[in-house]
Amino acid sequence: MDIEPVDHAPRQAFPWALLRQRWEDLTFLHWAVDPETVAPLLPAGTHPDTLDDVSYVGLIGFRMVGLGFGRGPGVPYFGTFAETNVRLYSVDDTGRRAVVFRSLDASRLVPVLVARATLRLPYLWSRMRLDRDGDRLTYRCRRRWPGPAGTTSRLAVRVGEPIADPTPLEHFVTARWGLHTRAYGRTLHLPNWHPRWPLHRAELLHLDDELVVAAGLPAPVGPPVSVLYSPGVGVRFGAPVPARRPG
């Protein structure tokens, strides 16, 4: 199987956008993980994506802004919310790299219900806050529904200097142009596109997280191997396609 390269600035590969949105004030935390540990957690027809035989678990907090359909405007109120997700890294039988979300906590109930019903994404309704004080950002999450209710996460970072030349690991965990999900008996690939990430160094000031373990993963050991921040990008999603080769 030929696996597509890790391309930090590809062309948009789909003709029209199913969804449009903007991701702002993102913090990426990543820990190394044995690929054999995460392989059972991935959808059928996908495998752990690796860099130098290591895969990664990501905890990402951000603000979703202006979520809308096609060429239309963002949905008022419901299209803007705080989100924190736990994700893994996958490659499918056609060689497409993507992410697999183990959980996506969001502060608006309607998008949670729509995403769960349509693409079977593991969205959860949570009470969330994203606060900024100068170069310090704090992300807070307390899960409401579905359970286990009361699962919490709090992380704080200090934003540092822009990164002119990201490392291979920094590209690997951010240059992702799709997601894999299991819906209606099939594994699907949902492609996305956005400009190249503007990345910054970041210092982790505080982390008290229960989301990674609640997502069925081992508790992280030690500090994250990568801490990054991005002010954000505008994002387009194409229509889902099967993740497996026909026949």
C-alpha atoms as a PDB file:
ATOM      1  CA  MET A   1       0.000   0.000   0.000  1.00  0.00           C
ATOM      2  CA  ASP A   2       1.301   3.442  -0.969  1.00  0.00           C
ATOM      3  CA  ILE A   3       0.734   5.942   1.830  1.00  0.00           C
ATOM      4  CA  GLU A   4       0.267   9.585   0.891  1.00  0.00           C
ATOM      5  CA  PRO A   5       3.031  11.930   2.076  1.00  0.00           C
ATOM      6  CA  VAL A   6       2.663  14.224   5.075  1.00  0.00           C
ATOM      7  CA  ASP A   7       1.953  17.369   3.055  1.00  0.00           C
ATOM      8  CA  HIS A   8       1.761  20.581   5.084  1.00  0.00           C
ATOM      9  CA  ALA A   9       0.171  22.628   2.271  1.00  0.00           C
ATOM     10  CA  PRO A  10      -1.766  20.488  -0.228  1.00  0.00           C
ATOM     11  CA  ARG A  11      -4.259  21.690  -2.805  1.00  0.00           C
ATOM     12  CA  GLN A  12      -7.948  21.222  -2.048  1.00  0.00           C
ATOM     13  CA  ALA A  13      -8.739  17.709  -3.281  1.00  0.00           C
ATOM     14  CA  PHE A  14     -12.551  17.976  -3.482  1.00  0.00           C
ATOM     15  CA  PRO A  15     -14.622  20.134  -5.865  1.00  0.00           C
ATOM     16  CA  TRP A  16     -17.071  21.685  -3.401  1.00  0.00           C
ATOM     17  CA  ALA A  17     -17.389  22.213   0.334  1.00  0.00           C
ATOM     18  CA  LEU A  18     -20.014  20.367   2.341  1.00  0.00           C
ATOM     19  CA  LEU A  19     -19.155  22.304   5.511  1.00  0.00           C
ATOM     20  CA  ARG A  20     -17.266  25.514   6.275  1.00  0.00           C
ATOM     21  CA  GLN A  21     -15.942  26.658   9.614  1.00  0.00           C
ATOM     22  CA  ARG A  22     -13.045  28.363  11.321  1.00  0.00           C
ATOM     23  CA  TRP A  23     -10.863  26.893  14.067  1.00  0.00           C
ATOM     24  CA  GLU A  24      -9.350  29.476  16.426  1.00  0.00           C
ATOM     25  CA  ASP A  25      -7.032  29.498  19.456  1.00  0.00           C
ATOM     26  CA  LEU A  26      -5.952  25.883  19.160  1.00  0.00           C
ATOM     27  CA  THR A  27      -3.662  24.145  21.614  1.00  0.00           C
ATOM     28  CA  PHE A  28      -2.258  20.749  20.599  1.00  0.00           C
ATOM     29  CA  LEU A  29      -0.889  18.384  23.255  1.00  0.00           C
ATOM     30  CA  HIS A  30       0.559  15.044  22.121  1.00  0.00           C
ATOM     31  CA  TRP A  31       1.949  11.934  23.776  1.00  0.00           C
ATOM     32  CA  ALA A  32       3.701   9.021  22.102  1.00  0.00           C
ATOM     33  CA  VAL A  33       1.853   5.701  22.167  1.00  0.00           C
ATOM     34  CA  ASP A  34       2.553   2.152  20.994  1.00  0.00           C
ATOM     35  CA  PRO A  35       0.658   1.537  17.714  1.00  0.00           C
ATOM     36  CA  GLU A  36      -0.507  -1.852  19.025  1.00  0.00           C
ATOM     37  CA  THR A  37      -2.239  -0.101  21.924  1.00  0.00           C
ATOM     38  CA  VAL A  38      -4.408   2.102  19.701  1.00  0.00           C
ATOM     39  CA  ALA A  39      -4.983  -0.304  16.782  1.00  0.00           C
ATOM     40  CA  PRO A  40      -8.127  -1.898  18.350  1.00  0.00           C
ATOM     41  CA  LEU A  41      -9.656   1.585  18.783  1.00  0.00           C
ATOM     42  CA  LEU A  42      -9.603   2.469  15.080  1.00  0.00           C
ATOM     43  CA  PRO A  43     -12.396   1.860  12.541  1.00  0.00           C
ATOM     44  CA  ALA A  44     -12.314  -1.232  10.335  1.00  0.00           C
ATOM     45  CA  GLY A  45     -10.098  -0.724   7.292  1.00  0.00           C
ATOM     46  CA  THR A  46      -7.771   1.711   9.047  1.00  0.00           C
ATOM     47  CA  HIS A  47      -4.491   1.241  10.882  1.00  0.00           C
ATOM     48  CA  PRO A  48      -2.366   3.364  13.217  1.00  0.00           C
ATOM     49  CA  ASP A  49      -0.349   5.955  11.349  1.00  0.00           C
ATOM     50  CA  THR A  50       3.199   6.154  12.641  1.00  0.00           C
ATOM     51  CA  LEU A  51       6.283   8.304  12.551  1.00  0.00           C
ATOM     52  CA  ASP A  52       9.467   6.298  13.150  1.00  0.00           C
ATOM     53  CA  ASP A  53       7.299   3.369  14.338  1.00  0.00           C
ATOM     54  CA  VAL A  54       5.514   5.496  16.970  1.00  0.00           C
ATOM     55  CA  SER A  55       1.932   6.749  16.960  1.00  0.00           C
ATOM     56  CA  TYR A  56       0.416   9.578  18.988  1.00  0.00           C
ATOM     57  CA  VAL A  57      -2.551  10.544  21.155  1.00  0.00           C
ATOM     58  CA  GLY A  58      -3.693  14.144  20.865  1.00  0.00           C
ATOM     59  CA  LEU A  59      -5.653  16.369  23.247  1.00  0.00           C
ATOM     60  CA  ILE A  60      -6.719  19.495  21.375  1.00  0.00           C
ATOM     61  CA  GLY A  61      -8.664  22.452  22.718  1.00  0.00           C
ATOM     62  CA  PHE A  62      -9.977  25.248  20.491  1.00  0.00           C
ATOM     63  CA  ARG A  63     -12.865  27.476  19.482  1.00  0.00           C
ATOM     64  CA  MET A  64     -15.151  26.517  16.590  1.00  0.00           C
ATOM     65  CA  VAL A  65     -16.359  29.665  14.807  1.00  0.00           C
ATOM     66  CA  GLY A  66     -18.996  30.156  12.116  1.00  0.00           C
ATOM     67  CA  LEU A  67     -19.877  26.532  11.344  1.00  0.00           C
ATOM     68  CA  GLY A  68     -22.076  26.517   8.231  1.00  0.00           C
ATOM     69  CA  PHE A  69     -23.144  24.440   5.250  1.00  0.00           C
ATOM     70  CA  GLY A  70     -21.800  24.769   1.713  1.00  0.00           C
ATOM     71  CA  ARG A  71     -21.486  28.376   0.545  1.00  0.00           C
ATOM     72  CA  GLY A  72     -23.950  29.630   3.121  1.00  0.00           C
ATOM     73  CA  PRO A  73     -23.161  31.781   6.149  1.00  0.00           C
ATOM     74  CA  GLY A  74     -22.263  30.365   9.530  1.00  0.00           C
ATOM     75  CA  VAL A  75     -25.180  29.216  11.655  1.00  0.00           C
ATOM     76  CA  PRO A  76     -25.947  31.931  14.246  1.00  0.00           C
ATOM     77  CA  TYR A  77     -25.245  30.975  17.871  1.00  0.00           C
ATOM     78  CA  PHE A  78     -25.129  27.215  17.303  1.00  0.00           C
ATOM     79  CA  GLY A  79     -22.223  27.516  14.830  1.00  0.00           C
ATOM     80  CA  THR A  80     -19.756  28.966  17.346  1.00  0.00           C
ATOM     81  CA  PHE A  81     -18.641  27.067  20.443  1.00  0.00           C
ATOM     82  CA  ALA A  82     -15.704  25.789  22.456  1.00  0.00           C
ATOM     83  CA  GLU A  83     -14.504  22.245  21.753  1.00  0.00           C
ATOM     84  CA  THR A  84     -11.932  19.792  23.104  1.00  0.00           C
ATOM     85  CA  ASN A  85     -11.172  16.530  21.339  1.00  0.00           C
ATOM     86  CA  VAL A  86      -9.138  13.397  21.926  1.00  0.00           C
ATOM     87  CA  ARG A  87      -7.785  11.958  18.700  1.00  0.00           C
ATOM     88  CA  LEU A  88      -5.607   9.263  17.177  1.00  0.00           C
ATOM     89  CA  TYR A  89      -3.815   9.060  13.823  1.00  0.00           C
ATOM     90  CA  SER A  90      -4.875   6.652  11.097  1.00  0.00           C
ATOM     91  CA  VAL A  91      -4.182   5.513   7.561  1.00  0.00           C
ATOM     92  CA  ASP A  92      -6.756   3.611   5.487  1.00  0.00           C
ATOM     93  CA  ASP A  93      -6.577   0.887   2.847  1.00  0.00           C
ATOM     94  CA  THR A  94      -6.235   3.499   0.097  1.00  0.00           C
ATOM     95  CA  GLY A  95      -3.231   5.133   1.810  1.00  0.00           C
ATOM     96  CA  ARG A  96      -5.057   8.261   3.021  1.00  0.00           C
ATOM     97  CA  ARG A  97      -3.837   9.691   6.308  1.00  0.00           C
ATOM     98  CA  ALA A  98      -6.422  11.090   8.720  1.00  0.00           C
ATOM     99  CA  VAL A  99      -7.445  11.455  12.343  1.00  0.00           C
ATOM    100  CA  VAL A 100      -9.827   9.284  14.357  1.00  0.00           C
ATOM    101  CA  PHE A 101     -11.725  11.078  17.090  1.00  0.00           C
ATOM    102  CA  ARG A 102     -12.221   9.142  20.293  1.00  0.00           C
ATOM    103  CA  SER A 103     -14.243  11.999  21.785  1.00  0.00           C
ATOM    104  CA  LEU A 104     -15.283  15.541  20.864  1.00  0.00           C
ATOM    105  CA  ASP A 105     -16.643  17.630  23.723  1.00  0.00           C
ATOM    106  CA  ALA A 106     -18.584  20.711  22.594  1.00  0.00           C
ATOM    107  CA  SER A 107     -20.573  23.388  24.385  1.00  0.00           C
ATOM    108  CA  ARG A 108     -23.579  23.477  22.004  1.00  0.00           C
ATOM    109  CA  LEU A 109     -26.100  20.633  22.156  1.00  0.00           C
ATOM    110  CA  VAL A 110     -27.557  20.968  18.635  1.00  0.00           C
ATOM    111  CA  PRO A 111     -24.239  20.416  16.764  1.00  0.00           C
ATOM    112  CA  VAL A 112     -23.560  17.480  19.094  1.00  0.00           C
ATOM    113  CA  LEU A 113     -26.875  15.837  18.171  1.00  0.00           C
ATOM    114  CA  VAL A 114     -26.445  16.500  14.427  1.00  0.00           C
ATOM    115  CA  ALA A 115     -22.876  15.127  14.300  1.00  0.00           C
ATOM    116  CA  ARG A 116     -23.830  12.014  16.269  1.00  0.00           C
ATOM    117  CA  ALA A 117     -26.870  11.327  14.056  1.00  0.00           C
ATOM    118  CA  THR A 118     -25.262  11.944  10.653  1.00  0.00           C
ATOM    119  CA  LEU A 119     -21.624  10.817  10.771  1.00  0.00           C
ATOM    120  CA  ARG A 120     -21.763   8.922  14.073  1.00  0.00           C
ATOM    121  CA  LEU A 121     -18.976  11.108  15.435  1.00  0.00           C
ATOM    122  CA  PRO A 122     -18.492  10.730  19.208  1.00  0.00           C
ATOM    123  CA  TYR A 123     -19.558  14.264  20.115  1.00  0.00           C
ATOM    124  CA  LEU A 124     -20.525  14.946  23.724  1.00  0.00           C
ATOM    125  CA  TRP A 125     -22.310  17.917  25.246  1.00  0.00           C
ATOM    126  CA  SER A 126     -20.167  19.667  27.840  1.00  0.00           C
ATOM    127  CA  ARG A 127     -19.915  22.852  29.833  1.00  0.00           C
ATOM    128  CA  MET A 128     -16.825  24.575  28.438  1.00  0.00           C
ATOM    129  CA  ARG A 129     -14.813  27.778  28.679  1.00  0.00           C
ATOM    130  CA  LEU A 130     -11.831  29.170  26.836  1.00  0.00           C
ATOM    131  CA  ASP A 131     -10.250  32.170  28.583  1.00  0.00           C
ATOM    132  CA  ARG A 132      -7.347  34.300  27.397  1.00  0.00           C
ATOM    133  CA  ASP A 133      -5.188  36.587  29.519  1.00  0.00           C
ATOM    134  CA  GLY A 134      -2.401  38.045  27.402  1.00  0.00           C
ATOM    135  CA  ASP A 135      -0.299  35.143  26.163  1.00  0.00           C
ATOM    136  CA  ARG A 136      -1.969  32.636  28.513  1.00  0.00           C
ATOM    137  CA  LEU A 137      -4.936  30.488  27.471  1.00  0.00           C
ATOM    138  CA  THR A 138      -7.000  28.250  29.747  1.00  0.00           C
ATOM    139  CA  TYR A 139      -9.401  25.580  28.471  1.00  0.00           C
ATOM    140  CA  ARG A 140     -12.006  24.077  30.821  1.00  0.00           C
ATOM    141  CA  CYS A 141     -14.429  21.225  30.159  1.00  0.00           C
ATOM    142  CA  ARG A 142     -17.004  19.426  32.280  1.00  0.00           C
ATOM    143  CA  ARG A 143     -19.028  16.747  30.504  1.00  0.00           C
ATOM    144  CA  ARG A 144     -22.831  16.772  30.626  1.00  0.00           C
ATOM    145  CA  TRP A 145     -24.183  14.148  28.212  1.00  0.00           C
ATOM    146  CA  PRO A 146     -23.791  11.346  27.381  1.00  0.00           C
ATOM    147  CA  GLY A 147     -21.859   9.995  30.338  1.00  0.00           C
ATOM    148  CA  PRO A 148     -19.913   9.574  32.291  1.00  0.00           C
ATOM    149  CA  ALA A 149     -21.225  12.971  33.345  1.00  0.00           C
ATOM    150  CA  GLY A 150     -18.796  15.058  35.342  1.00  0.00           C
ATOM    151  CA  THR A 151     -15.665  14.017  33.388  1.00  0.00           C
ATOM    152  CA  THR A 152     -13.420  17.078  33.411  1.00  0.00           C
ATOM    153  CA  SER A 153     -10.394  18.622  31.778  1.00  0.00           C
ATOM    154  CA  ARG A 154      -8.452  21.797  32.489  1.00  0.00           C
ATOM    155  CA  LEU A 155      -5.328  22.839  30.646  1.00  0.00           C
ATOM    156  CA  ALA A 156      -3.426  26.098  30.509  1.00  0.00           C
ATOM    157  CA  VAL A 157      -0.625  27.162  28.171  1.00  0.00           C
ATOM    158  CA  ARG A 158       1.539  30.182  27.486  1.00  0.00           C
ATOM    159  CA  VAL A 159       1.932  31.017  23.799  1.00  0.00           C
ATOM    160  CA  GLY A 160       5.476  31.422  22.552  1.00  0.00           C
ATOM    161  CA  GLU A 161       7.267  32.403  19.363  1.00  0.00           C
ATOM    162  CA  PRO A 162       6.086  31.474  15.837  1.00  0.00           C
ATOM    163  CA  ILE A 163       7.624  28.345  14.336  1.00  0.00           C
ATOM    164  CA  ALA A 164       9.319  29.098  11.015  1.00  0.00           C
ATOM    165  CA  ASP A 165      10.312  25.500  10.232  1.00  0.00           C
ATOM    166  CA  PRO A 166       8.170  22.823  11.951  1.00  0.00           C
ATOM    167  CA  THR A 167       9.789  19.490  12.777  1.00  0.00           C
ATOM    168  CA  PRO A 168       8.625  16.239  11.152  1.00  0.00           C
ATOM    169  CA  LEU A 169       6.636  15.460  14.328  1.00  0.00           C
ATOM    170  CA  GLU A 170       4.970  18.886  14.300  1.00  0.00           C
ATOM    171  CA  HIS A 171       3.913  18.360  10.692  1.00  0.00           C
ATOM    172  CA  PHE A 172       2.800  14.778  11.387  1.00  0.00           C
ATOM    173  CA  VAL A 173       0.330  15.722  14.146  1.00  0.00           C
ATOM    174  CA  THR A 174      -1.067  18.852  12.470  1.00  0.00           C
ATOM    175  CA  ALA A 175      -0.939  18.321   8.670  1.00  0.00           C
ATOM    176  CA  ARG A 176      -4.059  16.150   8.583  1.00  0.00           C
ATOM    177  CA  TRP A 177      -6.491  16.451   5.720  1.00  0.00           C
ATOM    178  CA  GLY A 178      -9.378  14.234   6.740  1.00  0.00           C
ATOM    179  CA  LEU A 179     -11.013  12.108   9.401  1.00  0.00           C
ATOM    180  CA  HIS A 180     -12.054   8.472   9.541  1.00  0.00           C
ATOM    181  CA  THR A 181     -15.340   7.465  11.112  1.00  0.00           C
ATOM    182  CA  ARG A 182     -17.535   4.376  11.221  1.00  0.00           C
ATOM    183  CA  ALA A 183     -21.136   5.093  10.173  1.00  0.00           C
ATOM    184  CA  TYR A 184     -23.977   2.923   8.850  1.00  0.00           C
ATOM    185  CA  GLY A 185     -21.810  -0.189   8.612  1.00  0.00           C
ATOM    186  CA  ARG A 186     -19.036   1.505   6.611  1.00  0.00           C
ATOM    187  CA  THR A 187     -15.782   3.229   7.376  1.00  0.00           C
ATOM    188  CA  LEU A 188     -15.794   6.682   5.803  1.00  0.00           C
ATOM    189  CA  HIS A 189     -13.129   9.250   5.017  1.00  0.00           C
ATOM    190  CA  LEU A 190     -14.267  12.867   5.354  1.00  0.00           C
ATOM    191  CA  PRO A 191     -11.701  15.111   3.601  1.00  0.00           C
ATOM    192  CA  ASN A 192     -10.880  18.643   4.675  1.00  0.00           C
ATOM    193  CA  TRP A 193      -8.692  21.503   3.497  1.00  0.00           C
ATOM    194  CA  HIS A 194      -7.291  24.664   5.035  1.00  0.00           C
ATOM    195  CA  PRO A 195      -4.239  26.899   4.573  1.00  0.00           C
ATOM    196  CA  ARG A 196      -0.952  25.847   6.117  1.00  0.00           C
ATOM    197  CA  TRP A 197      -1.054  26.032   9.896  1.00  0.00           C
ATOM    198  CA  PRO A 198       0.507  29.106  11.521  1.00  0.00           C
ATOM    199  CA  LEU A 199       2.151  27.328  14.475  1.00  0.00           C
ATOM    200  CA  HIS A 200       3.717  28.670  17.673  1.00  0.00           C
ATOM    201  CA  ARG A 201       5.728  27.122  20.446  1.00  0.00           C
ATOM    202  CA  ALA A 202       3.746  26.819  23.669  1.00  0.00           C
ATOM    203  CA  GLU A 203       4.554  26.073  27.295  1.00  0.00           C
ATOM    204  CA  LEU A 204       2.212  23.812  29.239  1.00  0.00           C
ATOM    205  CA  LEU A 205       1.453  25.554  32.532  1.00  0.00           C
ATOM    206  CA  HIS A 206      -1.226  23.235  33.939  1.00  0.00           C
ATOM    207  CA  LEU A 207      -2.951  19.980  32.971  1.00  0.00           C
ATOM    208  CA  ASP A 208      -5.617  18.098  34.896  1.00  0.00           C
ATOM    209  CA  ASP A 209      -7.369  15.883  32.366  1.00  0.00           C
ATOM    210  CA  GLU A 210      -9.803  12.957  32.499  1.00  0.00           C
ATOM    211  CA  LEU A 211     -10.848  12.998  28.839  1.00  0.00           C
ATOM    212  CA  VAL A 212      -7.992  10.843  27.494  1.00  0.00           C
ATOM    213  CA  VAL A 213      -8.718   7.980  29.897  1.00  0.00           C
ATOM    214  CA  ALA A 214     -12.491   8.363  29.382  1.00  0.00           C
ATOM    215  CA  ALA A 215     -11.821   7.879  25.645  1.00  0.00           C
ATOM    216  CA  GLY A 216     -10.524   4.366  26.327  1.00  0.00           C
ATOM    217  CA  LEU A 217      -6.815   5.201  26.253  1.00  0.00           C
ATOM    218  CA  PRO A 218      -4.122   4.609  28.864  1.00  0.00           C
ATOM    219  CA  ALA A 219      -3.375   7.561  31.115  1.00  0.00           C
ATOM    220  CA  PRO A 220      -0.506   9.567  29.609  1.00  0.00           C
ATOM    221  CA  VAL A 221       2.840   8.992  31.297  1.00  0.00           C
ATOM    222  CA  GLY A 222       4.940  12.098  31.757  1.00  0.00           C
ATOM    223  CA  PRO A 223       4.617  15.457  30.035  1.00  0.00           C
ATOM    224  CA  PRO A 224       3.487  15.683  26.400  1.00  0.00           C
ATOM    225  CA  VAL A 225       6.214  15.285  23.793  1.00  0.00           C
ATOM    226  CA  SER A 226       4.766  18.172  21.785  1.00  0.00           C
ATOM    227  CA  VAL A 227       2.941  21.347  22.856  1.00  0.00           C
ATOM    228  CA  LEU A 228       1.822  23.678  20.060  1.00  0.00           C
ATOM    229  CA  TYR A 229      -0.483  26.655  19.588  1.00  0.00           C
ATOM    230  CA  SER A 230      -2.126  28.102  16.486  1.00  0.00           C
ATOM    231  CA  PRO A 231      -4.230  31.268  16.160  1.00  0.00           C
ATOM    232  CA  GLY A 232      -6.332  29.340  13.661  1.00  0.00           C
ATOM    233  CA  VAL A 233      -7.368  28.714  10.061  1.00  0.00           C
ATOM    234  CA  GLY A 234     -10.494  28.649   7.925  1.00  0.00           C
ATOM    235  CA  VAL A 235     -11.529  25.071   7.081  1.00  0.00           C
ATOM    236  CA  ARG A 236     -13.601  23.358   4.387  1.00  0.00           C
ATOM    237  CA  PHE A 237     -14.917  19.786   4.495  1.00  0.00           C
ATOM    238  CA  GLY A 238     -15.810  17.725   1.428  1.00  0.00           C
ATOM    239  CA  ALA A 239     -18.343  14.922   1.145  1.00  0.00           C
ATOM    240  CA  PRO A 240     -17.494  11.592   2.846  1.00  0.00           C
ATOM    241  CA  VAL A 241     -16.192   8.718   0.708  1.00  0.00           C
ATOM    242  CA  PRO A 242     -15.552   5.038   1.542  1.00  0.00           C
ATOM    243  CA  ALA A 243     -12.217   4.405   3.261  1.00  0.00           C
ATOM    244  CA  ARG A 244     -11.773   0.976   1.675  1.00  0.00           C
ATOM    245  CA  ARG A 245     -10.905   0.040  -1.872  1.00  0.00           C
ATOM    246  CA  PRO A 246     -13.849  -1.533  -3.716  1.00  0.00           C
ATOM    247  CA  GLY A 247     -13.870  -5.277  -4.155  1.00  0.00           C
END
